[in-house]
C-alpha atoms as a PDB file:
ATOM      1  CA  MET A   1     -35.054 -77.368  19.153  1.00  0.00           C
ATOM      2  CA  ASP A   2     -36.335 -79.841  16.564  1.00  0.00           C
ATOM      3  CA  GLU A   3     -36.397 -82.616  19.148  1.00  0.00           C
ATOM      4  CA  GLU A   4     -38.438 -80.466  21.541  1.00  0.00           C
ATOM      5  CA  LEU A   5     -40.948 -79.586  18.805  1.00  0.00           C
ATOM      6  CA  ASN A   6     -41.360 -83.252  17.874  1.00  0.00           C
ATOM      7  CA  VAL A   7     -42.019 -84.140  21.512  1.00  0.00           C
ATOM      8  CA  LEU A   8     -44.561 -81.323  21.847  1.00  0.00           C
ATOM      9  CA  LYS A   9     -46.295 -82.440  18.650  1.00  0.00           C
ATOM     10  CA  SER A  10     -46.561 -85.996  19.989  1.00  0.00           C
ATOM     11  CA  ILE A  11     -48.118 -84.686  23.212  1.00  0.00           C
ATOM     12  CA  TYR A  12     -50.553 -82.072  21.877  1.00  0.00           C
ATOM     13  CA  LEU A  13     -51.190 -83.564  18.414  1.00  0.00           C
ATOM     14  CA  ASP A  14     -53.419 -81.367  16.226  1.00  0.00           C
ATOM     15  CA  ASP A  15     -53.959 -78.833  19.021  1.00  0.00           C
ATOM     16  CA  LEU A  16     -50.420 -77.566  18.430  1.00  0.00           C
ATOM     17  CA  ILE A  17     -49.802 -75.569  15.239  1.00  0.00           C
ATOM     18  CA  ILE A  18     -46.172 -75.077  14.216  1.00  0.00           C
ATOM     19  CA  ASN A  19     -45.046 -72.542  11.626  1.00  0.00           C
ATOM     20  CA  TYR A  20     -41.554 -73.351  10.327  1.00  0.00           C
ATOM     21  CA  ASP A  21     -40.889 -69.910   8.848  1.00  0.00           C
ATOM     22  CA  ASN A  22     -38.043 -67.799  10.151  1.00  0.00           C
ATOM     23  CA  PRO A  23     -38.397 -67.412  13.075  1.00  0.00           C
ATOM     24  CA  ILE A  24     -40.153 -70.646  13.914  1.00  0.00           C
ATOM     25  CA  SER A  25     -43.381 -70.069  15.844  1.00  0.00           C
ATOM     26  CA  LEU A  26     -46.045 -72.213  17.415  1.00  0.00           C
ATOM     27  CA  ASN A  27     -49.457 -71.629  18.940  1.00  0.00           C
ATOM     28  CA  ILE A  28     -51.896 -73.650  20.971  1.00  0.00           C
ATOM     29  CA  ILE A  29     -55.223 -72.906  22.651  1.00  0.00           C
ATOM     30  CA  ILE A  30     -54.887 -73.789  26.329  1.00  0.00           C
ATOM     31  CA  ASP A  31     -58.105 -74.736  28.117  1.00  0.00           C
ATOM     32  CA  SER A  32     -58.949 -75.255  31.744  1.00  0.00           C
ATOM     33  CA  ASN A  33     -59.496 -78.921  32.571  1.00  0.00           C
ATOM     34  CA  GLY A  34     -63.252 -78.609  32.948  1.00  0.00           C
ATOM     35  CA  ASP A  35     -65.461 -80.670  35.212  1.00  0.00           C
ATOM     36  CA  GLU A  36     -63.760 -84.007  35.978  1.00  0.00           C
ATOM     37  CA  ASN A  37     -61.320 -83.469  33.094  1.00  0.00           C
ATOM     38  CA  ASP A  38     -64.150 -83.662  30.591  1.00  0.00           C
ATOM     39  CA  LEU A  39     -62.795 -84.345  27.100  1.00  0.00           C
ATOM     40  CA  ASP A  40     -65.438 -82.106  25.532  1.00  0.00           C
ATOM     41  CA  ARG A  41     -63.558 -78.831  25.038  1.00  0.00           C
ATOM     42  CA  GLU A  42     -66.788 -76.884  24.830  1.00  0.00           C
ATOM     43  CA  LYS A  43     -67.395 -77.702  28.508  1.00  0.00           C
ATOM     44  CA  ARG A  44     -64.049 -76.203  29.483  1.00  0.00           C
ATOM     45  CA  LEU A  45     -64.950 -72.699  30.540  1.00  0.00           C
ATOM     46  CA  LEU A  46     -61.636 -70.828  30.439  1.00  0.00           C
ATOM     47  CA  CYS A  47     -59.090 -70.630  27.653  1.00  0.00           C
ATOM     48  CA  ILE A  48     -56.270 -68.515  26.264  1.00  0.00           C
ATOM     49  CA  THR A  49     -54.118 -68.744  23.121  1.00  0.00           C
ATOM     50  CA  PHE A  50     -50.398 -69.347  23.692  1.00  0.00           C
ATOM     51  CA  ILE A  51     -48.028 -68.119  20.946  1.00  0.00           C
ATOM     52  CA  ALA A  52     -44.260 -68.637  21.050  1.00  0.00           C
ATOM     53  CA  GLU A  53     -41.635 -67.283  18.624  1.00  0.00           C
ATOM     54  CA  LEU A  54     -38.379 -69.263  18.740  1.00  0.00           C
ATOM     55  CA  PRO A  55     -35.141 -67.458  17.866  1.00  0.00           C
ATOM     56  CA  SER A  56     -32.482 -69.481  16.080  1.00  0.00           C
ATOM     57  CA  THR A  57     -30.369 -69.343  19.267  1.00  0.00           C
ATOM     58  CA  TYR A  58     -33.088 -71.004  21.403  1.00  0.00           C
ATOM     59  CA  PRO A  59     -32.664 -72.699  23.835  1.00  0.00           C
ATOM     60  CA  ASP A  60     -28.911 -72.281  24.326  1.00  0.00           C
ATOM     61  CA  LEU A  61     -28.670 -68.494  24.357  1.00  0.00           C
ATOM     62  CA  ASN A  62     -32.115 -66.932  24.132  1.00  0.00           C
ATOM     63  CA  SER A  63     -35.569 -67.584  25.507  1.00  0.00           C
ATOM     64  CA  PRO A  64     -38.650 -67.724  23.268  1.00  0.00           C
ATOM     65  CA  LYS A  65     -40.897 -64.699  22.935  1.00  0.00           C
ATOM     66  CA  ILE A  66     -44.253 -65.767  24.366  1.00  0.00           C
ATOM     67  CA  THR A  67     -47.546 -63.950  23.873  1.00  0.00           C
ATOM     68  CA  LEU A  68     -50.894 -64.746  25.505  1.00  0.00           C
ATOM     69  CA  CYS A  69     -53.939 -63.557  23.561  1.00  0.00           C
ATOM     70  CA  ARG A  70     -57.664 -64.104  22.911  1.00  0.00           C
ATOM     71  CA  PRO A  71     -58.550 -64.914  26.538  1.00  0.00           C
ATOM     72  CA  ARG A  72     -62.017 -66.242  27.403  1.00  0.00           C
ATOM     73  CA  GLY A  73     -63.578 -65.871  30.847  1.00  0.00           C
ATOM     74  CA  LEU A  74     -60.516 -64.214  32.407  1.00  0.00           C
ATOM     75  CA  THR A  75     -60.140 -60.864  34.155  1.00  0.00           C
ATOM     76  CA  ASP A  76     -57.313 -58.422  33.411  1.00  0.00           C
ATOM     77  CA  GLU A  77     -55.830 -59.273  36.804  1.00  0.00           C
ATOM     78  CA  GLN A  78     -55.770 -62.989  35.974  1.00  0.00           C
ATOM     79  CA  ILE A  79     -54.180 -62.316  32.573  1.00  0.00           C
ATOM     80  CA  ASN A  80     -51.468 -60.291  34.319  1.00  0.00           C
ATOM     81  CA  GLU A  81     -50.897 -63.226  36.682  1.00  0.00           C
ATOM     82  CA  LEU A  82     -50.494 -65.568  33.713  1.00  0.00           C
ATOM     83  CA  ASN A  83     -47.984 -63.230  32.076  1.00  0.00           C
ATOM     84  CA  SER A  84     -46.028 -63.051  35.354  1.00  0.00           C
ATOM     85  CA  LEU A  85     -46.084 -66.844  35.513  1.00  0.00           C
ATOM     86  CA  ILE A  86     -44.592 -67.063  32.001  1.00  0.00           C
ATOM     87  CA  TYR A  87     -41.912 -64.508  32.872  1.00  0.00           C
ATOM     88  CA  SER A  88     -40.885 -66.463  35.990  1.00  0.00           C
ATOM     89  CA  CYS A  89     -40.850 -69.710  34.035  1.00  0.00           C
ATOM     90  CA  LEU A  90     -38.551 -68.251  31.356  1.00  0.00           C
ATOM     91  CA  GLU A  91     -36.247 -66.646  33.921  1.00  0.00           C
ATOM     92  CA  SER A  92     -35.749 -69.883  35.824  1.00  0.00           C
ATOM     93  CA  ASN A  93     -35.105 -71.975  32.689  1.00  0.00           C
ATOM     94  CA  ILE A  94     -32.595 -69.935  30.683  1.00  0.00           C
ATOM     95  CA  GLY A  95     -30.578 -72.280  28.493  1.00  0.00           C
ATOM     96  CA  SER A  96     -33.153 -75.082  28.751  1.00  0.00           C
ATOM     97  CA  CYS A  97     -36.188 -76.248  26.793  1.00  0.00           C
ATOM     98  CA  VAL A  98     -39.097 -74.487  28.461  1.00  0.00           C
ATOM     99  CA  LEU A  99     -42.161 -74.637  26.189  1.00  0.00           C
ATOM    100  CA  TYR A 100     -43.834 -77.675  27.777  1.00  0.00           C
ATOM    101  CA  GLU A 101     -43.410 -76.235  31.280  1.00  0.00           C
ATOM    102  CA  CYS A 102     -44.868 -72.894  30.187  1.00  0.00           C
ATOM    103  CA  ILE A 103     -47.898 -74.491  28.531  1.00  0.00           C
ATOM    104  CA  GLU A 104     -48.685 -76.793  31.442  1.00  0.00           C
ATOM    105  CA  SER A 105     -48.165 -73.999  34.002  1.00  0.00           C
ATOM    106  CA  ILE A 106     -50.799 -71.942  32.193  1.00  0.00           C
ATOM    107  CA  ARG A 107     -53.169 -74.920  31.994  1.00  0.00           C
ATOM    108  CA  SER A 108     -52.756 -75.610  35.715  1.00  0.00           C
ATOM    109  CA  LYS A 109     -53.450 -71.970  36.551  1.00  0.00           C
ATOM    110  CA  LEU A 110     -56.589 -71.890  34.402  1.00  0.00           C
ATOM    111  CA  SER A 111     -57.921 -74.954  36.196  1.00  0.00           C
ATOM    112  CA  PHE A 112     -57.179 -73.233  39.526  1.00  0.00           C
ATOM    113  CA  TYR A 113     -59.281 -70.254  38.448  1.00  0.00           C
ATOM    114  CA  GLU A 114     -62.028 -72.771  37.510  1.00  0.00           C
ATOM    115  CA  LEU A 115     -64.919 -70.362  36.859  1.00  0.00           C
ATOM    116  CA  PRO A 116     -65.137 -67.323  34.560  1.00  0.00           C
ATOM    117  CA  GLN A 117     -64.991 -64.064  36.495  1.00  0.00           C
ATOM    118  CA  GLU A 118     -67.824 -62.551  34.503  1.00  0.00           C
ATOM    119  CA  ALA A 119     -71.266 -61.552  35.640  1.00  0.00           C
ATOM    120  CA  CYS A 120     -74.262 -63.232  34.043  1.00  0.00           C
ATOM    121  CA  ALA A 121     -75.326 -60.658  31.449  1.00  0.00           C
ATOM    122  CA  ILE A 122     -79.003 -61.284  32.271  1.00  0.00           C
ATOM    123  CA  CYS A 123     -79.130 -60.956  36.072  1.00  0.00           C
ATOM    124  CA  LEU A 124     -75.758 -59.107  36.368  1.00  0.00           C
ATOM    125  CA  THR A 125     -74.491 -61.257  39.257  1.00  0.00           C
ATOM    126  CA  LEU A 126     -71.405 -63.486  39.382  1.00  0.00           C
ATOM    127  CA  ILE A 127     -71.775 -67.209  38.769  1.00  0.00           C
ATOM    128  CA  SER A 128     -70.452 -69.034  41.827  1.00  0.00           C
ATOM    129  CA  ASN A 129     -71.452 -72.639  41.054  1.00  0.00           C
ATOM    130  CA  ARG A 130     -70.128 -74.641  38.082  1.00  0.00           C
ATOM    131  CA  ASN A 131     -73.421 -76.558  37.850  1.00  0.00           C
ATOM    132  CA  ASP A 132     -75.338 -73.287  37.373  1.00  0.00           C
ATOM    133  CA  ILE A 133     -73.322 -72.069  34.407  1.00  0.00           C
ATOM    134  CA  ILE A 134     -73.918 -72.429  30.695  1.00  0.00           C
ATOM    135  CA  LYS A 135     -71.719 -71.186  27.850  1.00  0.00           C
ATOM    136  CA  THR A 136     -73.234 -70.284  24.508  1.00  0.00           C
ATOM    137  CA  ASN A 137     -71.672 -71.123  21.165  1.00  0.00           C
ATOM    138  CA  CYS A 138     -70.485 -67.492  20.992  1.00  0.00           C
ATOM    139  CA  HIS A 139     -68.661 -67.903  24.329  1.00  0.00           C
ATOM    140  CA  HIS A 140     -70.858 -65.923  26.694  1.00  0.00           C
ATOM    141  CA  PHE A 141     -71.696 -67.182  30.172  1.00  0.00           C
ATOM    142  CA  TYR A 142     -75.090 -67.201  31.903  1.00  0.00           C
ATOM    143  CA  HIS A 143     -76.921 -68.839  34.771  1.00  0.00           C
ATOM    144  CA  LYS A 144     -78.864 -71.728  33.255  1.00  0.00           C
ATOM    145  CA  ASN A 145     -82.170 -70.552  34.720  1.00  0.00           C
ATOM    146  CA  CYS A 146     -81.556 -66.957  33.569  1.00  0.00           C
ATOM    147  CA  LEU A 147     -80.951 -68.092  29.997  1.00  0.00           C
ATOM    148  CA  LYS A 148     -83.928 -70.468  30.240  1.00  0.00           C
ATOM    149  CA  SER A 149     -86.256 -67.570  31.151  1.00  0.00           C
ATOM    150  CA  TYR A 150     -84.819 -65.447  28.352  1.00  0.00           C
ATOM    151  CA  VAL A 151     -85.210 -68.242  25.767  1.00  0.00           C
ATOM    152  CA  ASP A 152     -88.810 -68.921  26.829  1.00  0.00           C
ATOM    153  CA  MET A 153     -89.646 -65.221  26.480  1.00  0.00           C
ATOM    154  CA  LYS A 154     -87.997 -64.971  23.047  1.00  0.00           C
ATOM    155  CA  LYS A 155     -89.814 -68.088  21.824  1.00  0.00           C
ATOM    156  CA  ILE A 156     -93.162 -66.482  22.672  1.00  0.00           C
ATOM    157  CA  GLU A 157     -92.106 -63.245  20.979  1.00  0.00           C
ATOM    158  CA  LEU A 158     -90.919 -64.987  17.806  1.00  0.00           C
ATOM    159  CA  GLU A 159     -94.072 -67.116  17.656  1.00  0.00           C
ATOM    160  CA  GLU A 160     -96.253 -63.999  17.904  1.00  0.00           C
ATOM    161  CA  ASN A 161     -94.253 -62.266  15.147  1.00  0.00           C
ATOM    162  CA  TYR A 162     -94.490 -65.345  12.947  1.00  0.00           C
ATOM    163  CA  GLN A 163     -98.257 -65.665  13.390  1.00  0.00           C
ATOM    164  CA  GLU A 164     -98.761 -61.931  12.782  1.00  0.00           C
ATOM    165  CA  LEU A 165     -96.859 -62.090   9.480  1.00  0.00           C
ATOM    166  CA  LYS A 166     -98.774 -65.197   8.471  1.00  0.00           C
ATOM    167  CA  LYS A 167    -102.103 -63.598   9.385  1.00  0.00           C
ATOM    168  CA  ASN A 168    -101.375 -60.505   7.280  1.00  0.00           C
ATOM    169  CA  GLY A 169    -100.399 -62.568   4.249  1.00  0.00           C
ATOM    170  CA  PHE A 170     -96.675 -61.739   4.191  1.00  0.00           C
ATOM    171  CA  TYR A 171     -94.306 -64.139   2.454  1.00  0.00           C
ATOM    172  CA  ILE A 172     -92.181 -65.951   5.029  1.00  0.00           C
ATOM    173  CA  GLU A 173     -88.948 -67.122   3.419  1.00  0.00           C
ATOM    174  CA  ARG A 174     -88.079 -69.504   6.254  1.00  0.00           C
ATOM    175  CA  ASP A 175     -89.265 -70.432   9.726  1.00  0.00           C
ATOM    176  CA  PHE A 176     -87.429 -68.100  12.123  1.00  0.00           C
ATOM    177  CA  ARG A 177     -89.168 -69.198  15.314  1.00  0.00           C
ATOM    178  CA  ASN A 178     -86.039 -70.933  16.631  1.00  0.00           C
ATOM    179  CA  ASP A 179     -83.672 -68.047  15.795  1.00  0.00           C
ATOM    180  CA  ILE A 180     -83.065 -67.012  19.388  1.00  0.00           C
ATOM    181  CA  GLU A 181     -80.315 -64.399  19.640  1.00  0.00           C
ATOM    182  CA  ASP A 182     -77.654 -64.281  22.326  1.00  0.00           C
ATOM    183  CA  PRO A 183     -78.511 -61.422  24.741  1.00  0.00           C
ATOM    184  CA  VAL A 184     -75.018 -59.920  24.360  1.00  0.00           C
ATOM    185  CA  CYS A 185     -73.803 -60.303  20.765  1.00  0.00           C
ATOM    186  CA  ARG A 186     -77.083 -61.182  18.981  1.00  0.00           C
ATOM    187  CA  GLN A 187     -75.664 -64.285  17.328  1.00  0.00           C
ATOM    188  CA  ILE A 188     -78.118 -67.169  17.021  1.00  0.00           C
ATOM    189  CA  ILE A 189     -77.856 -69.520  20.001  1.00  0.00           C
ATOM    190  CA  ALA A 190     -77.105 -73.067  18.842  1.00  0.00           C
ATOM    191  CA  ASN A 191     -79.747 -75.752  19.396  1.00  0.00           C
ATOM    192  CA  ASN A 192     -77.331 -77.907  21.399  1.00  0.00           C
ATOM    193  CA  VAL A 193     -76.975 -75.038  23.894  1.00  0.00           C
ATOM    194  CA  ILE A 194     -80.749 -74.651  24.265  1.00  0.00           C
ATOM    195  CA  GLU A 195     -81.070 -78.408  24.768  1.00  0.00           C
ATOM    196  CA  GLN A 196     -78.825 -78.121  27.849  1.00  0.00           C
ATOM    197  CA  LEU A 197     -81.216 -75.709  29.563  1.00  0.00           C
ATOM    198  CA  PRO A 198     -83.388 -77.006  32.430  1.00  0.00           C
ATOM    199  CA  SER A 199     -86.892 -78.151  31.603  1.00  0.00           C
ATOM    200  CA  SER A 200     -89.918 -76.125  32.681  1.00  0.00           C
ATOM    201  CA  SER A 201     -90.676 -78.677  35.392  1.00  0.00           C
ATOM    202  CA  SER A 202     -87.225 -78.373  36.932  1.00  0.00           C
ATOM    203  CA  SER A 203     -87.395 -74.566  36.750  1.00  0.00           C
ATOM    204  CA  SER A 204     -90.720 -74.542  38.577  1.00  0.00           C
ATOM    205  CA  SER A 205     -89.257 -76.960  41.129  1.00  0.00           C
ATOM    206  CA  ILE A 206     -86.385 -74.555  41.806  1.00  0.00           C
ATOM    207  CA  GLU A 207     -88.839 -71.666  42.171  1.00  0.00           C
ATOM    208  CA  GLN A 208     -90.989 -73.725  44.532  1.00  0.00           C
ATOM    209  CA  ASN A 209     -87.965 -74.563  46.694  1.00  0.00           C
ATOM    210  CA  SER A 210     -87.052 -70.891  46.803  1.00  0.00           C
ATOM    211  CA  ASN A 211     -90.575 -69.968  47.951  1.00  0.00           C
ATOM    212  CA  GLU A 212     -90.497 -72.664  50.635  1.00  0.00           C
ATOM    213  CA  GLU A 213     -87.158 -71.356  51.919  1.00  0.00           C
ATOM    214  CA  HIS A 214     -88.660 -67.859  52.028  1.00  0.00           C
ATOM    215  CA  ARG A 215     -91.642 -69.096  54.068  1.00  0.00           C
ATOM    216  CA  GLU A 216     -89.341 -70.934  56.463  1.00  0.00           C
ATOM    217  CA  LEU A 217     -87.322 -67.768  56.909  1.00  0.00           C
ATOM    218  CA  ILE A 218     -90.450 -65.815  57.797  1.00  0.00           C
ATOM    219  CA  LYS A 219     -91.441 -68.479  60.348  1.00  0.00           C
ATOM    220  CA  SER A 220     -88.038 -68.267  61.999  1.00  0.00           C
ATOM    221  CA  LEU A 221     -88.178 -64.506  62.566  1.00  0.00           C
ATOM    222  CA  SER A 222     -87.821 -63.564  66.206  1.00  0.00           C
ATOM    223  CA  PRO A 223     -90.815 -61.988  68.071  1.00  0.00           C
ATOM    224  CA  HIS A 224     -88.836 -58.746  68.306  1.00  0.00           C
ATOM    225  CA  ILE A 225     -88.520 -58.501  64.507  1.00  0.00           C
ATOM    226  CA  LYS A 226     -92.197 -59.366  64.030  1.00  0.00           C
ATOM    227  CA  GLN A 227     -93.197 -56.563  66.455  1.00  0.00           C
ATOM    228  CA  TRP A 228     -90.957 -54.150  64.580  1.00  0.00           C
ATOM    229  CA  GLN A 229     -92.607 -55.180  61.272  1.00  0.00           C
ATOM    230  CA  GLU A 230     -96.085 -54.583  62.738  1.00  0.00           C
ATOM    231  CA  ARG A 231     -95.120 -51.125  64.067  1.00  0.00           C
ATOM    232  CA  THR A 232     -93.544 -50.201  60.726  1.00  0.00           C
ATOM    233  CA  HIS A 233     -96.659 -51.291  58.811  1.00  0.00           C
ATOM    234  CA  ALA A 234     -98.923 -49.306  61.175  1.00  0.00           C
ATOM    235  CA  LEU A 235     -96.731 -46.217  60.723  1.00  0.00           C
ATOM    236  CA  PHE A 236     -96.841 -46.644  56.940  1.00  0.00           C
ATOM    237  CA  GLN A 237    -100.659 -46.765  56.951  1.00  0.00           C
ATOM    238  CA  GLN A 238    -100.850 -43.708  59.210  1.00  0.00           C
ATOM    239  CA  GLN A 239     -98.547 -41.669  56.960  1.00  0.00           C
ATOM    240  CA  LYS A 240    -100.437 -42.804  53.864  1.00  0.00           C
ATOM    241  CA  GLU A 241    -103.808 -41.694  55.327  1.00  0.00           C
ATOM    242  CA  LYS A 242    -102.399 -38.250  56.156  1.00  0.00           C
ATOM    243  CA  GLY A 243    -101.022 -37.777  52.636  1.00  0.00           C
ATOM    244  CA  GLY A 244     -97.402 -38.185  53.617  1.00  0.00           C
ATOM    245  CA  ILE A 245     -96.911 -40.988  51.058  1.00  0.00           C
ATOM    246  CA  ILE A 246     -97.795 -40.568  47.378  1.00  0.00           C
ATOM    247  CA  ASP A 247    -100.022 -43.289  45.985  1.00  0.00           C
ATOM    248  CA  LEU A 248     -98.588 -43.762  42.479  1.00  0.00           C
ATOM    249  CA  ASP A 249    -101.661 -45.598  41.193  1.00  0.00           C
ATOM    250  CA  LYS A 250    -104.043 -42.791  42.268  1.00  0.00           C
ATOM    251  CA  SER A 251    -101.692 -40.123  40.943  1.00  0.00           C
ATOM    252  CA  GLN A 252    -101.566 -41.853  37.562  1.00  0.00           C
ATOM    253  CA  ASP A 253    -105.388 -42.043  37.438  1.00  0.00           C
ATOM    254  CA  MET A 254    -105.580 -38.300  38.123  1.00  0.00           C
ATOM    255  CA  ILE A 255    -103.115 -37.511  35.327  1.00  0.00           C
ATOM    256  CA  PHE A 256    -104.918 -39.554  32.683  1.00  0.00           C
ATOM    257  CA  SER A 257    -108.506 -38.769  33.756  1.00  0.00           C
END
């Protein structure tokens, strides 16, 4: 056992924490590889904590007790798959050192999953492209452009609040204009996260491309669909003139007049 722990420590260095109490236990945070095996752990989107308790009879007679906890970016189904993977690994290696194989099997599986199976909390849709994703310092995932729009809106709001307090003579203890809260947990988003967001010029470029694609789609509509659109519009106008469709703007004017 001691030899295996020394080998693991030489491989994982400070990432591996060993507790030599009775029973001996160890834990390590296992990350997905990230884009092109990036060494920056903050760019690795998925992770889970691996904890192993080693009985005194390991590895000759008993297998370690392994627990997976504190997952990030994983669904319940994926966590169940990881637990099944650990179970199979232990079953097939009874009487042998198995910790390295278990750890690397989990790491390989995380890299296979690649992207967090969470919806962007702003637009509520799944993130399907690694290049579109950004992770905050509090480990929430968003589309970059969604978070960019949110940050821009909050900056305007904080600036208005700051100027209002200043105008009315209130004492301002510190400048809070950059205290932009995460949309989910309300922790302050770190500056290095905001610096990763696209610039206004690139955001407008993306919007322009989207509008051009929309115009091209309209141009490519078949004559049959265009005729159907014209008939539908004519029917809408006819029903509106006969009172079959409620004009919300006019109704609101009548209520408040």
